[in-house]
Amino acid sequence: MEPLVRDGETVHLTPVAADAVTPGDIVLCRVRGCSYLHKVIATAHGRALIGNNRGHTNGWTSTVYGKVRRE
């Protein structure tokens, strides 16, 4: 997620469901059995399409644990 979140940087999360996120949010989610901190690219039907900050998408997920909040 660099340069938005640097490797090893501490982040604070607010619990959120997949149907409550919006494109541009950075979320902690589960995709294909792994947990990632990724940017929401799009949403549809209670799921989020997540990707990195370089234009690559990682897939759809309905398992979102929390949204990064600004401190």
C-alpha atoms as a PDB file:
ATOM      1  CA  MET A   1       0.000   0.000   0.000  1.00  0.00           C
ATOM      2  CA  GLU A   2       2.980   2.312  -0.181  1.00  0.00           C
ATOM      3  CA  PRO A   3       3.069   5.283  -0.198  1.00  0.00           C
ATOM      4  CA  LEU A   4      -0.310   5.421   1.625  1.00  0.00           C
ATOM      5  CA  VAL A   5       0.784   2.968   4.346  1.00  0.00           C
ATOM      6  CA  ARG A   6       4.438   2.067   4.667  1.00  0.00           C
ATOM      7  CA  ASP A   7       5.661  -1.431   5.545  1.00  0.00           C
ATOM      8  CA  GLY A   8       5.777  -1.796   9.335  1.00  0.00           C
ATOM      9  CA  GLU A   9       3.707   1.334   9.972  1.00  0.00           C
ATOM     10  CA  THR A  10       1.131   1.122  12.775  1.00  0.00           C
ATOM     11  CA  VAL A  11      -2.459   1.691  11.695  1.00  0.00           C
ATOM     12  CA  HIS A  12      -5.672   2.061  13.685  1.00  0.00           C
ATOM     13  CA  LEU A  13      -8.796   0.239  12.516  1.00  0.00           C
ATOM     14  CA  THR A  14     -12.492   0.847  12.975  1.00  0.00           C
ATOM     15  CA  PRO A  15     -14.632  -2.300  12.666  1.00  0.00           C
ATOM     16  CA  VAL A  16     -16.701  -2.208   9.487  1.00  0.00           C
ATOM     17  CA  ALA A  17     -18.655  -4.620   7.293  1.00  0.00           C
ATOM     18  CA  ALA A  18     -17.959  -5.045   3.583  1.00  0.00           C
ATOM     19  CA  ASP A  19     -21.270  -3.398   2.674  1.00  0.00           C
ATOM     20  CA  ALA A  20     -20.279  -0.219   4.573  1.00  0.00           C
ATOM     21  CA  VAL A  21     -17.009   0.576   2.757  1.00  0.00           C
ATOM     22  CA  THR A  22     -16.601   2.943  -0.170  1.00  0.00           C
ATOM     23  CA  PRO A  23     -14.047   3.139  -2.990  1.00  0.00           C
ATOM     24  CA  GLY A  24     -10.848   4.749  -1.736  1.00  0.00           C
ATOM     25  CA  ASP A  25     -11.123   3.290   1.790  1.00  0.00           C
ATOM     26  CA  ILE A  26      -8.174   1.244   3.048  1.00  0.00           C
ATOM     27  CA  VAL A  27      -9.357  -1.913   4.778  1.00  0.00           C
ATOM     28  CA  LEU A  28      -8.039  -5.024   6.491  1.00  0.00           C
ATOM     29  CA  CYS A  29      -9.688  -7.904   4.654  1.00  0.00           C
ATOM     30  CA  ARG A  30      -9.380 -11.567   3.769  1.00  0.00           C
ATOM     31  CA  VAL A  31      -8.896 -12.719   0.163  1.00  0.00           C
ATOM     32  CA  ARG A  32      -8.095 -16.295  -0.881  1.00  0.00           C
ATOM     33  CA  GLY A  33      -7.242 -17.302   2.698  1.00  0.00           C
ATOM     34  CA  CYS A  34      -4.851 -14.427   3.452  1.00  0.00           C
ATOM     35  CA  SER A  35      -5.375 -11.155   5.324  1.00  0.00           C
ATOM     36  CA  TYR A  36      -4.343  -7.962   3.562  1.00  0.00           C
ATOM     37  CA  LEU A  37      -4.405  -4.226   4.097  1.00  0.00           C
ATOM     38  CA  HIS A  38      -5.742  -3.015   0.750  1.00  0.00           C
ATOM     39  CA  LYS A  39      -7.532  -0.192  -0.981  1.00  0.00           C
ATOM     40  CA  VAL A  40     -11.190  -0.599  -1.960  1.00  0.00           C
ATOM     41  CA  ILE A  41     -11.514  -0.171  -5.733  1.00  0.00           C
ATOM     42  CA  ALA A  42     -15.268  -0.797  -6.076  1.00  0.00           C
ATOM     43  CA  THR A  43     -18.239  -2.213  -4.169  1.00  0.00           C
ATOM     44  CA  ALA A  44     -21.243  -4.277  -5.231  1.00  0.00           C
ATOM     45  CA  HIS A  45     -23.795  -6.526  -3.535  1.00  0.00           C
ATOM     46  CA  GLY A  46     -22.160  -6.378  -0.077  1.00  0.00           C
ATOM     47  CA  ARG A  47     -18.682  -7.150  -1.403  1.00  0.00           C
ATOM     48  CA  ALA A  48     -15.573  -5.074  -2.006  1.00  0.00           C
ATOM     49  CA  LEU A  49     -13.119  -5.268  -4.910  1.00  0.00           C
ATOM     50  CA  ILE A  50      -9.726  -4.675  -3.355  1.00  0.00           C
ATOM     51  CA  GLY A  51      -6.390  -3.803  -4.891  1.00  0.00           C
ATOM     52  CA  ASN A  52      -3.090  -2.141  -4.223  1.00  0.00           C
ATOM     53  CA  ASN A  53      -2.073   1.462  -4.702  1.00  0.00           C
ATOM     54  CA  ARG A  54      -0.444   0.717  -8.077  1.00  0.00           C
ATOM     55  CA  GLY A  55      -3.539  -0.232 -10.076  1.00  0.00           C
ATOM     56  CA  HIS A  56      -3.509  -4.022  -9.516  1.00  0.00           C
ATOM     57  CA  THR A  57      -6.689  -5.710  -8.277  1.00  0.00           C
ATOM     58  CA  ASN A  58      -6.647  -8.682  -5.910  1.00  0.00           C
ATOM     59  CA  GLY A  59     -10.269  -9.795  -6.148  1.00  0.00           C
ATOM     60  CA  TRP A  60     -13.645  -9.532  -4.486  1.00  0.00           C
ATOM     61  CA  THR A  61     -14.227 -10.154  -0.795  1.00  0.00           C
ATOM     62  CA  SER A  62     -17.086  -9.991   1.656  1.00  0.00           C
ATOM     63  CA  THR A  63     -14.729 -10.505   4.622  1.00  0.00           C
ATOM     64  CA  VAL A  64     -13.700  -7.058   5.788  1.00  0.00           C
ATOM     65  CA  TYR A  65     -12.445  -6.731   9.370  1.00  0.00           C
ATOM     66  CA  GLY A  66     -11.908  -2.995   9.651  1.00  0.00           C
ATOM     67  CA  LYS A  67     -11.228   0.301   7.937  1.00  0.00           C
ATOM     68  CA  VAL A  68      -8.039   2.287   8.517  1.00  0.00           C
ATOM     69  CA  ARG A  69      -8.866   5.527  10.279  1.00  0.00           C
ATOM     70  CA  ARG A  70      -6.855   8.720  10.174  1.00  0.00           C
ATOM     71  CA  GLU A  71      -5.310   9.648  13.510  1.00  0.00           C
END
